[in-house]
Each structure stands twice: as C-alpha cells, then as structure tokens.
Amino acid sequence: MIVRHYLVRNEGETARRFVIRLEEAEGRWTSSCEEVDSTGKVIPGSARIAPKFYGLTEEQAARRMLAALENSFDDVVETGL
C-alpha cells in the first residue's frame, strides 16, 4: 500500500488533512481517501471525499482521487505527514 498525505483548505477555513491510499490487486490499482488527524489516524465518522477509484496504473488511480480533492477544496498540497 502506498499512502500520500495532503493538507487541504477552503478560503477562510482551517486546514484539514487527508490521505489517499493506493493499493494494487489483480492487475489494477484502487485509490481511497479519508480525513486524518495530525498523527495520520483516520478521524472516526469523517466524510469520505469520494468512493474508491480504479486505474490501470498507480498514477491513474491517484490522479482520479486527487482530482476529487481538488474539486472539493481551494488549496490542496501534498505533505510528508
């Protein structure tokens, strides 16, 4: 599993953290996205940005989920954690 961390914000709002998880299974990639706290733990009851997306490559699956984040927030920046 590959995990990418993002800091997102809408104008005038407090920044929030999300992770995009990428997994390969049976020749295809899936991506999922969840809101996390500052330590990287999933926030219970937080809304998901989108259902899982699928792709033939890791980057294709990641790009689809990243596009959903970018459509939901004004600023989306990849971070280390």
N, C-alpha and C. Protein backbone atom coordinates (compact mmCIF):
# COMPACT_ATOMS: atom_id res chain seq x y z
N MET A 1 0.84 -1.18 0.00
CA MET A 1 0.00 0.00 0.00
C MET A 1 0.89 1.24 0.00
N ILE A 2 0.47 2.21 -0.76
CA ILE A 2 1.16 3.50 -0.83
C ILE A 2 0.21 4.53 -0.23
N VAL A 3 0.73 5.40 0.62
CA VAL A 3 -0.09 6.43 1.27
C VAL A 3 0.49 7.79 0.94
N ARG A 4 -0.35 8.67 0.46
CA ARG A 4 0.05 10.05 0.17
C ARG A 4 -0.77 10.98 1.08
N HIS A 5 -0.09 11.93 1.71
CA HIS A 5 -0.72 12.85 2.66
C HIS A 5 -0.93 14.21 2.01
N TYR A 6 -2.08 14.82 2.31
CA TYR A 6 -2.42 16.13 1.74
C TYR A 6 -2.97 17.05 2.81
N LEU A 7 -2.62 18.31 2.70
CA LEU A 7 -3.18 19.37 3.53
C LEU A 7 -4.10 20.16 2.61
N VAL A 8 -5.37 20.33 3.01
CA VAL A 8 -6.35 20.99 2.15
C VAL A 8 -7.01 22.13 2.92
N ARG A 9 -7.50 23.09 2.17
CA ARG A 9 -8.12 24.26 2.81
C ARG A 9 -9.06 24.95 1.82
N ASN A 10 -10.16 25.43 2.34
CA ASN A 10 -11.01 26.35 1.61
C ASN A 10 -10.76 27.74 2.17
N GLU A 11 -10.95 28.75 1.36
CA GLU A 11 -10.70 30.12 1.80
C GLU A 11 -11.49 30.42 3.07
N GLY A 12 -10.80 30.96 4.08
CA GLY A 12 -11.43 31.33 5.33
C GLY A 12 -11.67 30.19 6.30
N GLU A 13 -11.23 28.98 5.96
CA GLU A 13 -11.43 27.83 6.83
C GLU A 13 -10.10 27.29 7.34
N THR A 14 -10.16 26.52 8.41
CA THR A 14 -8.98 25.87 8.96
C THR A 14 -8.56 24.72 8.04
N ALA A 15 -7.26 24.53 7.91
CA ALA A 15 -6.74 23.45 7.08
C ALA A 15 -7.14 22.09 7.66
N ARG A 16 -7.31 21.13 6.77
CA ARG A 16 -7.64 19.75 7.15
C ARG A 16 -6.64 18.83 6.47
N ARG A 17 -6.51 17.62 7.01
CA ARG A 17 -5.57 16.64 6.46
C ARG A 17 -6.34 15.45 5.89
N PHE A 18 -5.88 14.98 4.74
CA PHE A 18 -6.45 13.80 4.11
C PHE A 18 -5.32 12.89 3.65
N VAL A 19 -5.62 11.60 3.55
CA VAL A 19 -4.67 10.66 2.96
C VAL A 19 -5.35 9.99 1.77
N ILE A 20 -4.58 9.75 0.76
CA ILE A 20 -5.00 8.93 -0.37
C ILE A 20 -4.21 7.64 -0.26
N ARG A 21 -4.93 6.52 -0.20
CA ARG A 21 -4.30 5.20 -0.12
C ARG A 21 -4.42 4.53 -1.47
N LEU A 22 -3.30 3.99 -1.94
CA LEU A 22 -3.26 3.32 -3.23
C LEU A 22 -2.87 1.86 -3.02
N GLU A 23 -3.67 0.95 -3.59
CA GLU A 23 -3.40 -0.47 -3.45
C GLU A 23 -3.51 -1.16 -4.80
N GLU A 24 -2.64 -2.14 -5.01
CA GLU A 24 -2.68 -2.92 -6.24
C GLU A 24 -3.26 -4.29 -5.93
N ALA A 25 -4.18 -4.72 -6.77
CA ALA A 25 -4.76 -6.05 -6.63
C ALA A 25 -5.22 -6.53 -8.01
N GLU A 26 -4.80 -7.71 -8.35
CA GLU A 26 -5.23 -8.35 -9.60
C GLU A 26 -5.01 -7.49 -10.84
N GLY A 27 -3.87 -6.83 -10.90
CA GLY A 27 -3.50 -6.07 -12.08
C GLY A 27 -4.13 -4.70 -12.23
N ARG A 28 -4.79 -4.22 -11.19
CA ARG A 28 -5.34 -2.86 -11.24
C ARG A 28 -5.08 -2.18 -9.91
N TRP A 29 -5.17 -0.87 -9.93
CA TRP A 29 -4.93 -0.05 -8.73
C TRP A 29 -6.24 0.55 -8.25
N THR A 30 -6.38 0.67 -6.94
CA THR A 30 -7.52 1.36 -6.36
C THR A 30 -7.01 2.50 -5.48
N SER A 31 -7.79 3.56 -5.40
CA SER A 31 -7.46 4.67 -4.51
C SER A 31 -8.65 4.96 -3.62
N SER A 32 -8.36 5.29 -2.37
CA SER A 32 -9.38 5.71 -1.43
C SER A 32 -8.85 6.92 -0.69
N CYS A 33 -9.73 7.70 -0.10
CA CYS A 33 -9.33 8.95 0.55
C CYS A 33 -10.12 9.12 1.84
N GLU A 34 -9.40 9.45 2.91
CA GLU A 34 -10.05 9.67 4.20
C GLU A 34 -9.41 10.85 4.91
N GLU A 35 -10.21 11.51 5.75
CA GLU A 35 -9.68 12.60 6.57
C GLU A 35 -8.95 12.01 7.76
N VAL A 36 -7.80 12.59 8.11
CA VAL A 36 -6.99 12.10 9.23
C VAL A 36 -6.64 13.26 10.16
N ASP A 37 -6.20 12.90 11.38
CA ASP A 37 -5.74 13.93 12.32
C ASP A 37 -4.26 14.21 12.08
N SER A 38 -3.66 15.02 12.92
CA SER A 38 -2.27 15.43 12.72
C SER A 38 -1.27 14.28 12.87
N THR A 39 -1.69 13.16 13.45
CA THR A 39 -0.80 12.00 13.59
C THR A 39 -1.01 10.99 12.47
N GLY A 40 -1.99 11.24 11.59
CA GLY A 40 -2.23 10.34 10.48
C GLY A 40 -3.31 9.30 10.73
N LYS A 41 -3.97 9.38 11.89
CA LYS A 41 -5.04 8.43 12.21
C LYS A 41 -6.36 8.92 11.61
N VAL A 42 -7.14 7.98 11.06
CA VAL A 42 -8.42 8.33 10.47
C VAL A 42 -9.34 8.91 11.54
N ILE A 43 -10.01 9.99 11.20
CA ILE A 43 -10.95 10.63 12.11
C ILE A 43 -12.27 9.85 12.02
N PRO A 44 -12.68 9.22 13.13
CA PRO A 44 -13.93 8.44 13.11
C PRO A 44 -15.12 9.31 12.71
N GLY A 45 -15.93 8.78 11.82
CA GLY A 45 -17.13 9.49 11.40
C GLY A 45 -16.91 10.58 10.37
N SER A 46 -15.67 10.78 9.93
CA SER A 46 -15.42 11.81 8.93
C SER A 46 -15.95 11.36 7.57
N ALA A 47 -16.39 12.31 6.80
CA ALA A 47 -16.94 12.01 5.48
C ALA A 47 -15.82 11.69 4.50
N ARG A 48 -16.08 10.76 3.62
CA ARG A 48 -15.13 10.46 2.55
C ARG A 48 -15.35 11.44 1.40
N ILE A 49 -14.28 11.76 0.71
CA ILE A 49 -14.38 12.68 -0.42
C ILE A 49 -15.09 12.02 -1.59
N ALA A 50 -14.78 10.76 -1.82
CA ALA A 50 -15.36 10.03 -2.96
C ALA A 50 -15.25 8.54 -2.67
N PRO A 51 -16.02 7.73 -3.39
CA PRO A 51 -15.83 6.28 -3.25
C PRO A 51 -14.48 5.90 -3.85
N LYS A 52 -14.15 4.65 -3.83
CA LYS A 52 -12.88 4.21 -4.42
C LYS A 52 -12.87 4.49 -5.92
N PHE A 53 -11.68 4.83 -6.40
CA PHE A 53 -11.46 4.97 -7.84
C PHE A 53 -10.51 3.88 -8.28
N TYR A 54 -10.62 3.49 -9.53
CA TYR A 54 -9.80 2.43 -10.07
C TYR A 54 -8.96 2.97 -11.22
N GLY A 55 -7.81 2.35 -11.45
CA GLY A 55 -6.95 2.73 -12.55
C GLY A 55 -6.07 1.57 -12.98
N LEU A 56 -5.59 1.63 -14.20
CA LEU A 56 -4.67 0.60 -14.69
C LEU A 56 -3.28 0.79 -14.11
N THR A 57 -2.97 2.03 -13.71
CA THR A 57 -1.67 2.32 -13.10
C THR A 57 -1.88 3.01 -11.76
N GLU A 58 -0.85 3.01 -10.95
CA GLU A 58 -0.89 3.70 -9.66
C GLU A 58 -1.21 5.18 -9.86
N GLU A 59 -0.54 5.80 -10.80
CA GLU A 59 -0.71 7.23 -11.03
C GLU A 59 -2.11 7.57 -11.52
N GLN A 60 -2.69 6.72 -12.35
CA GLN A 60 -4.05 6.96 -12.84
C GLN A 60 -5.06 6.91 -11.69
N ALA A 61 -4.94 5.93 -10.82
CA ALA A 61 -5.84 5.83 -9.67
C ALA A 61 -5.64 7.02 -8.72
N ALA A 62 -4.39 7.41 -8.49
CA ALA A 62 -4.09 8.54 -7.60
C ALA A 62 -4.63 9.84 -8.19
N ARG A 63 -4.45 10.04 -9.47
CA ARG A 63 -4.88 11.28 -10.12
C ARG A 63 -6.39 11.46 -10.03
N ARG A 64 -7.12 10.35 -10.17
CA ARG A 64 -8.58 10.44 -10.09
C ARG A 64 -9.03 10.89 -8.71
N MET A 65 -8.41 10.36 -7.66
CA MET A 65 -8.79 10.75 -6.31
C MET A 65 -8.32 12.17 -6.01
N LEU A 66 -7.13 12.52 -6.47
CA LEU A 66 -6.62 13.87 -6.26
C LEU A 66 -7.54 14.89 -6.93
N ALA A 67 -8.05 14.57 -8.10
CA ALA A 67 -8.99 15.47 -8.79
C ALA A 67 -10.24 15.68 -7.94
N ALA A 68 -10.71 14.65 -7.25
CA ALA A 68 -11.88 14.80 -6.37
C ALA A 68 -11.56 15.75 -5.22
N LEU A 69 -10.35 15.63 -4.64
CA LEU A 69 -9.94 16.57 -3.58
C LEU A 69 -9.87 17.99 -4.12
N GLU A 70 -9.27 18.15 -5.28
CA GLU A 70 -9.11 19.49 -5.86
C GLU A 70 -10.45 20.12 -6.21
N ASN A 71 -11.45 19.30 -6.51
CA ASN A 71 -12.79 19.83 -6.80
C ASN A 71 -13.53 20.22 -5.53
N SER A 72 -13.09 19.70 -4.39
CA SER A 72 -13.77 19.96 -3.11
C SER A 72 -13.13 21.09 -2.31
N PHE A 73 -11.86 21.39 -2.58
CA PHE A 73 -11.12 22.38 -1.79
C PHE A 73 -10.37 23.35 -2.69
N ASP A 74 -10.17 24.58 -2.16
CA ASP A 74 -9.46 25.62 -2.93
C ASP A 74 -7.98 25.32 -3.04
N ASP A 75 -7.35 24.87 -1.95
CA ASP A 75 -5.91 24.59 -1.93
C ASP A 75 -5.68 23.14 -1.52
N VAL A 76 -4.90 22.42 -2.30
CA VAL A 76 -4.53 21.03 -1.99
C VAL A 76 -3.03 20.90 -2.18
N VAL A 77 -2.32 20.56 -1.08
CA VAL A 77 -0.86 20.49 -1.11
C VAL A 77 -0.44 19.14 -0.54
N GLU A 78 0.40 18.41 -1.28
CA GLU A 78 0.92 17.15 -0.77
C GLU A 78 1.95 17.44 0.30
N THR A 79 1.89 16.69 1.41
CA THR A 79 2.82 16.87 2.53
C THR A 79 3.46 15.52 2.87
N GLY A 80 4.43 15.55 3.78
CA GLY A 80 5.02 14.31 4.26
C GLY A 80 4.10 13.61 5.23
N LEU A 81 3.54 14.34 6.17
CA LEU A 81 2.57 13.82 7.14
C LEU A 81 1.84 14.93 7.80
